[in-house]
């Protein structure tokens, strides 16, 4: 038998090279897959559990808005009412004036982009009460047109709501 071949400086036999690549590949997979699987396992209870969300509604306000108006004879006055309280308690619209005025008519419609419940009157106008909205009515934003008649001379008016 002769001397063994000189293998210095040459690449290892093919089988050895394949085993090294396989070991490196397995090591790389372990480094990637183990943290990924751990993340999935730890996240699973959060995804499978019950999520409770608590909401709190803050009631809005009851407000009336109208431009200053002076009544001489008969005049229609636009009035906007916003009931954002969410209670359905109803409300009372009053006209404030130094001289007596008579409520001749009232029309109501929901304001643009508002879902409202139009007011249902509990009684007709009396004294300075223009409209008393019944319970569970008059909610949301409404545009009213109140027709008033002055009984003597020019009469400045304003509106209040409670």
C-alpha atoms as a PDB file:
ATOM      1  CA  UNK A   1       0.000   0.000   0.000  1.00  0.00           C
ATOM      2  CA  UNK A   2       1.316   3.367  -0.766  1.00  0.00           C
ATOM      3  CA  UNK A   3       1.326   6.541   1.193  1.00  0.00           C
ATOM      4  CA  UNK A   4      -1.983   8.268   1.966  1.00  0.00           C
ATOM      5  CA  UNK A   5      -2.933  11.100  -0.350  1.00  0.00           C
ATOM      6  CA  UNK A   6      -2.106  14.635   0.843  1.00  0.00           C
ATOM      7  CA  UNK A   7      -5.407  16.414   1.765  1.00  0.00           C
ATOM      8  CA  UNK A   8      -3.977  19.641   3.156  1.00  0.00           C
ATOM      9  CA  UNK A   9      -5.565  22.699   1.557  1.00  0.00           C
ATOM     10  CA  UNK A  10      -8.292  20.678  -0.132  1.00  0.00           C
ATOM     11  CA  UNK A  11     -12.005  20.729   0.753  1.00  0.00           C
ATOM     12  CA  UNK A  12     -13.481  18.049   2.924  1.00  0.00           C
ATOM     13  CA  UNK A  13     -15.221  15.150   1.290  1.00  0.00           C
ATOM     14  CA  UNK A  14     -18.769  15.915   0.045  1.00  0.00           C
ATOM     15  CA  UNK A  15     -20.557  14.032   2.842  1.00  0.00           C
ATOM     16  CA  UNK A  16     -18.798  16.040   5.562  1.00  0.00           C
ATOM     17  CA  UNK A  17     -19.620  19.375   3.852  1.00  0.00           C
ATOM     18  CA  UNK A  18     -23.307  18.445   3.594  1.00  0.00           C
ATOM     19  CA  UNK A  19     -23.439  17.546   7.295  1.00  0.00           C
ATOM     20  CA  UNK A  20     -21.964  20.951   8.257  1.00  0.00           C
ATOM     21  CA  UNK A  21     -24.529  22.825   6.102  1.00  0.00           C
ATOM     22  CA  UNK A  22     -27.326  20.719   7.604  1.00  0.00           C
ATOM     23  CA  UNK A  23     -26.196  21.493  11.153  1.00  0.00           C
ATOM     24  CA  UNK A  24     -25.975  25.221  10.368  1.00  0.00           C
ATOM     25  CA  UNK A  25     -29.453  25.145   8.750  1.00  0.00           C
ATOM     26  CA  UNK A  26     -30.987  23.393  11.779  1.00  0.00           C
ATOM     27  CA  UNK A  27     -29.330  25.875  14.123  1.00  0.00           C
ATOM     28  CA  UNK A  28     -30.704  28.808  12.132  1.00  0.00           C
ATOM     29  CA  UNK A  29     -34.216  27.314  12.087  1.00  0.00           C
ATOM     30  CA  UNK A  30     -34.116  26.803  15.852  1.00  0.00           C
ATOM     31  CA  UNK A  31     -33.078  30.423  16.412  1.00  0.00           C
ATOM     32  CA  UNK A  32     -36.006  31.663  14.304  1.00  0.00           C
ATOM     33  CA  UNK A  33     -38.751  29.167  15.070  1.00  0.00           C
ATOM     34  CA  UNK A  34     -38.373  28.858  18.853  1.00  0.00           C
ATOM     35  CA  UNK A  35     -38.960  32.606  19.538  1.00  0.00           C
ATOM     36  CA  UNK A  36     -41.772  32.701  16.964  1.00  0.00           C
ATOM     37  CA  UNK A  37     -43.542  29.717  18.536  1.00  0.00           C
ATOM     38  CA  UNK A  38     -43.028  31.167  22.015  1.00  0.00           C
ATOM     39  CA  UNK A  39     -44.668  34.426  20.885  1.00  0.00           C
ATOM     40  CA  UNK A  40     -47.645  32.522  19.469  1.00  0.00           C
ATOM     41  CA  UNK A  41     -48.062  30.445  22.610  1.00  0.00           C
ATOM     42  CA  UNK A  42     -47.918  33.513  24.856  1.00  0.00           C
ATOM     43  CA  UNK A  43     -50.320  35.485  22.645  1.00  0.00           C
ATOM     44  CA  UNK A  44     -52.901  32.694  22.351  1.00  0.00           C
ATOM     45  CA  UNK A  45     -54.597  33.336  25.711  1.00  0.00           C
ATOM     46  CA  UNK A  46     -55.078  37.016  24.841  1.00  0.00           C
ATOM     47  CA  UNK A  47     -56.728  36.135  21.551  1.00  0.00           C
ATOM     48  CA  UNK A  48     -58.903  33.398  22.974  1.00  0.00           C
ATOM     49  CA  UNK A  49     -60.103  35.234  26.088  1.00  0.00           C
ATOM     50  CA  UNK A  50     -63.016  37.586  26.644  1.00  0.00           C
ATOM     51  CA  UNK A  51     -62.345  41.254  26.078  1.00  0.00           C
ATOM     52  CA  UNK A  52     -64.374  43.635  28.243  1.00  0.00           C
ATOM     53  CA  UNK A  53     -64.757  47.245  27.154  1.00  0.00           C
ATOM     54  CA  UNK A  54     -66.418  49.695  29.524  1.00  0.00           C
ATOM     55  CA  UNK A  55     -68.081  52.745  27.980  1.00  0.00           C
ATOM     56  CA  UNK A  56     -69.284  55.792  29.821  1.00  0.00           C
ATOM     57  CA  UNK A  57     -71.693  58.189  28.200  1.00  0.00           C
ATOM     58  CA  UNK A  58     -71.536  61.775  29.320  1.00  0.00           C
ATOM     59  CA  UNK A  59     -74.919  63.451  28.917  1.00  0.00           C
ATOM     60  CA  UNK A  60     -75.105  66.503  26.724  1.00  0.00           C
ATOM     61  CA  UNK A  61     -76.899  69.747  27.409  1.00  0.00           C
ATOM     62  CA  UNK A  62     -80.296  71.265  26.848  1.00  0.00           C
ATOM     63  CA  UNK A  63     -79.910  74.487  24.876  1.00  0.00           C
ATOM     64  CA  UNK A  64     -81.942  76.977  22.865  1.00  0.00           C
ATOM     65  CA  UNK A  65     -80.626  79.342  20.204  1.00  0.00           C
ATOM     66  CA  UNK A  66     -82.389  82.101  18.298  1.00  0.00           C
ATOM     67  CA  UNK A  67     -81.423  85.403  16.780  1.00  0.00           C
ATOM     68  CA  UNK A  68     -82.643  88.520  18.580  1.00  0.00           C
ATOM     69  CA  UNK A  69     -86.092  89.403  17.288  1.00  0.00           C
ATOM     70  CA  UNK A  70     -88.531  92.254  17.597  1.00  0.00           C
ATOM     71  CA  UNK A  71     -92.199  91.496  17.058  1.00  0.00           C
ATOM     72  CA  UNK A  72     -94.390  94.115  15.408  1.00  0.00           C
ATOM     73  CA  UNK A  73     -97.665  92.593  14.336  1.00  0.00           C
ATOM     74  CA  UNK A  74     -97.125  88.928  13.436  1.00  0.00           C
ATOM     75  CA  UNK A  75     -93.678  87.461  12.821  1.00  0.00           C
ATOM     76  CA  UNK A  76     -92.091  84.032  12.402  1.00  0.00           C
ATOM     77  CA  UNK A  77     -89.025  83.487  14.577  1.00  0.00           C
ATOM     78  CA  UNK A  78     -86.624  80.579  13.889  1.00  0.00           C
ATOM     79  CA  UNK A  79     -85.552  78.756  17.067  1.00  0.00           C
ATOM     80  CA  UNK A  80     -83.109  75.840  17.378  1.00  0.00           C
ATOM     81  CA  UNK A  81     -83.428  73.470  20.326  1.00  0.00           C
ATOM     82  CA  UNK A  82     -80.761  70.899  21.173  1.00  0.00           C
ATOM     83  CA  UNK A  83     -81.565  68.256  23.774  1.00  0.00           C
ATOM     84  CA  UNK A  84     -78.493  66.045  24.117  1.00  0.00           C
ATOM     85  CA  UNK A  85     -79.218  64.907  27.676  1.00  0.00           C
ATOM     86  CA  UNK A  86     -80.431  61.446  26.608  1.00  0.00           C
ATOM     87  CA  UNK A  87     -82.851  61.291  29.536  1.00  0.00           C
ATOM     88  CA  UNK A  88     -86.130  61.787  27.666  1.00  0.00           C
ATOM     89  CA  UNK A  89     -87.352  64.104  30.456  1.00  0.00           C
ATOM     90  CA  UNK A  90     -88.997  66.605  28.098  1.00  0.00           C
ATOM     91  CA  UNK A  91     -88.535  70.366  28.328  1.00  0.00           C
ATOM     92  CA  UNK A  92     -90.379  73.697  28.406  1.00  0.00           C
ATOM     93  CA  UNK A  93     -89.712  76.473  25.870  1.00  0.00           C
ATOM     94  CA  UNK A  94     -90.591  79.975  27.079  1.00  0.00           C
ATOM     95  CA  UNK A  95     -90.722  83.339  25.334  1.00  0.00           C
ATOM     96  CA  UNK A  96     -89.369  86.306  27.271  1.00  0.00           C
ATOM     97  CA  UNK A  97     -90.717  89.766  26.481  1.00  0.00           C
ATOM     98  CA  UNK A  98     -91.536  93.017  28.291  1.00  0.00           C
ATOM     99  CA  UNK A  99     -94.978  93.189  26.651  1.00  0.00           C
ATOM    100  CA  UNK A 100     -97.413  90.309  26.136  1.00  0.00           C
ATOM    101  CA  UNK A 101     -97.062  88.259  22.937  1.00  0.00           C
ATOM    102  CA  UNK A 102     -99.370  85.593  21.607  1.00  0.00           C
ATOM    103  CA  UNK A 103     -98.149  82.284  20.162  1.00  0.00           C
ATOM    104  CA  UNK A 104     -99.999  81.890  16.857  1.00  0.00           C
ATOM    105  CA  UNK A 105     -98.276  78.749  15.558  1.00  0.00           C
ATOM    106  CA  UNK A 106     -95.354  76.364  15.863  1.00  0.00           C
ATOM    107  CA  UNK A 107     -93.744  74.086  13.294  1.00  0.00           C
ATOM    108  CA  UNK A 108     -90.887  71.678  14.032  1.00  0.00           C
ATOM    109  CA  UNK A 109     -88.495  69.531  12.008  1.00  0.00           C
ATOM    110  CA  UNK A 110     -85.273  67.670  12.723  1.00  0.00           C
ATOM    111  CA  UNK A 111     -82.162  69.710  12.011  1.00  0.00           C
ATOM    112  CA  UNK A 112     -79.897  68.679   9.138  1.00  0.00           C
ATOM    113  CA  UNK A 113     -77.683  65.672  10.005  1.00  0.00           C
ATOM    114  CA  UNK A 114     -79.599  65.092  13.249  1.00  0.00           C
ATOM    115  CA  UNK A 115     -81.612  62.116  14.352  1.00  0.00           C
ATOM    116  CA  UNK A 116     -84.307  63.567  16.545  1.00  0.00           C
ATOM    117  CA  UNK A 117     -87.636  62.797  18.126  1.00  0.00           C
ATOM    118  CA  UNK A 118     -89.966  65.694  17.418  1.00  0.00           C
ATOM    119  CA  UNK A 119     -91.641  67.244  20.464  1.00  0.00           C
ATOM    120  CA  UNK A 120     -95.156  66.204  21.430  1.00  0.00           C
ATOM    121  CA  UNK A 121     -96.968  69.055  23.175  1.00  0.00           C
ATOM    122  CA  UNK A 122     -98.435  68.249  26.590  1.00  0.00           C
ATOM    123  CA  UNK A 123    -100.669  71.341  26.371  1.00  0.00           C
ATOM    124  CA  UNK A 124    -101.208  74.411  24.201  1.00  0.00           C
ATOM    125  CA  UNK A 125     -99.282  77.663  24.635  1.00  0.00           C
ATOM    126  CA  UNK A 126    -100.194  79.602  27.780  1.00  0.00           C
ATOM    127  CA  UNK A 127     -98.791  82.788  29.353  1.00  0.00           C
ATOM    128  CA  UNK A 128     -95.073  82.806  28.383  1.00  0.00           C
ATOM    129  CA  UNK A 129     -94.888  79.030  27.702  1.00  0.00           C
ATOM    130  CA  UNK A 130     -94.508  78.404  23.980  1.00  0.00           C
ATOM    131  CA  UNK A 131     -94.227  74.607  24.070  1.00  0.00           C
ATOM    132  CA  UNK A 132     -93.964  71.941  26.755  1.00  0.00           C
ATOM    133  CA  UNK A 133     -92.436  68.768  25.247  1.00  0.00           C
ATOM    134  CA  UNK A 134     -93.800  65.516  26.671  1.00  0.00           C
ATOM    135  CA  UNK A 135     -91.580  62.835  28.165  1.00  0.00           C
ATOM    136  CA  UNK A 136     -89.637  60.813  25.545  1.00  0.00           C
ATOM    137  CA  UNK A 137     -90.127  63.497  22.892  1.00  0.00           C
ATOM    138  CA  UNK A 138     -88.161  66.531  21.736  1.00  0.00           C
ATOM    139  CA  UNK A 139     -84.788  64.781  21.812  1.00  0.00           C
ATOM    140  CA  UNK A 140     -81.916  65.649  19.483  1.00  0.00           C
ATOM    141  CA  UNK A 141     -81.549  68.873  17.505  1.00  0.00           C
ATOM    142  CA  UNK A 142     -84.734  70.479  16.162  1.00  0.00           C
ATOM    143  CA  UNK A 143     -85.486  73.584  14.153  1.00  0.00           C
ATOM    144  CA  UNK A 144     -88.707  75.286  15.223  1.00  0.00           C
ATOM    145  CA  UNK A 145     -90.478  78.196  13.612  1.00  0.00           C
ATOM    146  CA  UNK A 146     -92.516  80.024  16.245  1.00  0.00           C
ATOM    147  CA  UNK A 147     -95.084  82.481  14.934  1.00  0.00           C
ATOM    148  CA  UNK A 148     -95.692  85.272  17.448  1.00  0.00           C
ATOM    149  CA  UNK A 149     -98.083  88.217  17.470  1.00  0.00           C
ATOM    150  CA  UNK A 150     -97.407  91.396  19.448  1.00  0.00           C
ATOM    151  CA  UNK A 151    -100.453  92.909  21.060  1.00  0.00           C
ATOM    152  CA  UNK A 152     -99.019  96.419  21.273  1.00  0.00           C
ATOM    153  CA  UNK A 153     -96.133  98.052  19.391  1.00  0.00           C
ATOM    154  CA  UNK A 154     -92.626  96.740  18.823  1.00  0.00           C
ATOM    155  CA  UNK A 155     -91.797  93.990  21.309  1.00  0.00           C
ATOM    156  CA  UNK A 156     -88.270  92.517  21.616  1.00  0.00           C
ATOM    157  CA  UNK A 157     -88.340  88.787  22.439  1.00  0.00           C
ATOM    158  CA  UNK A 158     -85.904  86.078  23.456  1.00  0.00           C
ATOM    159  CA  UNK A 159     -86.334  82.400  24.321  1.00  0.00           C
ATOM    160  CA  UNK A 160     -85.312  80.237  27.254  1.00  0.00           C
ATOM    161  CA  UNK A 161     -85.606  76.506  27.893  1.00  0.00           C
ATOM    162  CA  UNK A 162     -85.749  74.389  31.007  1.00  0.00           C
END
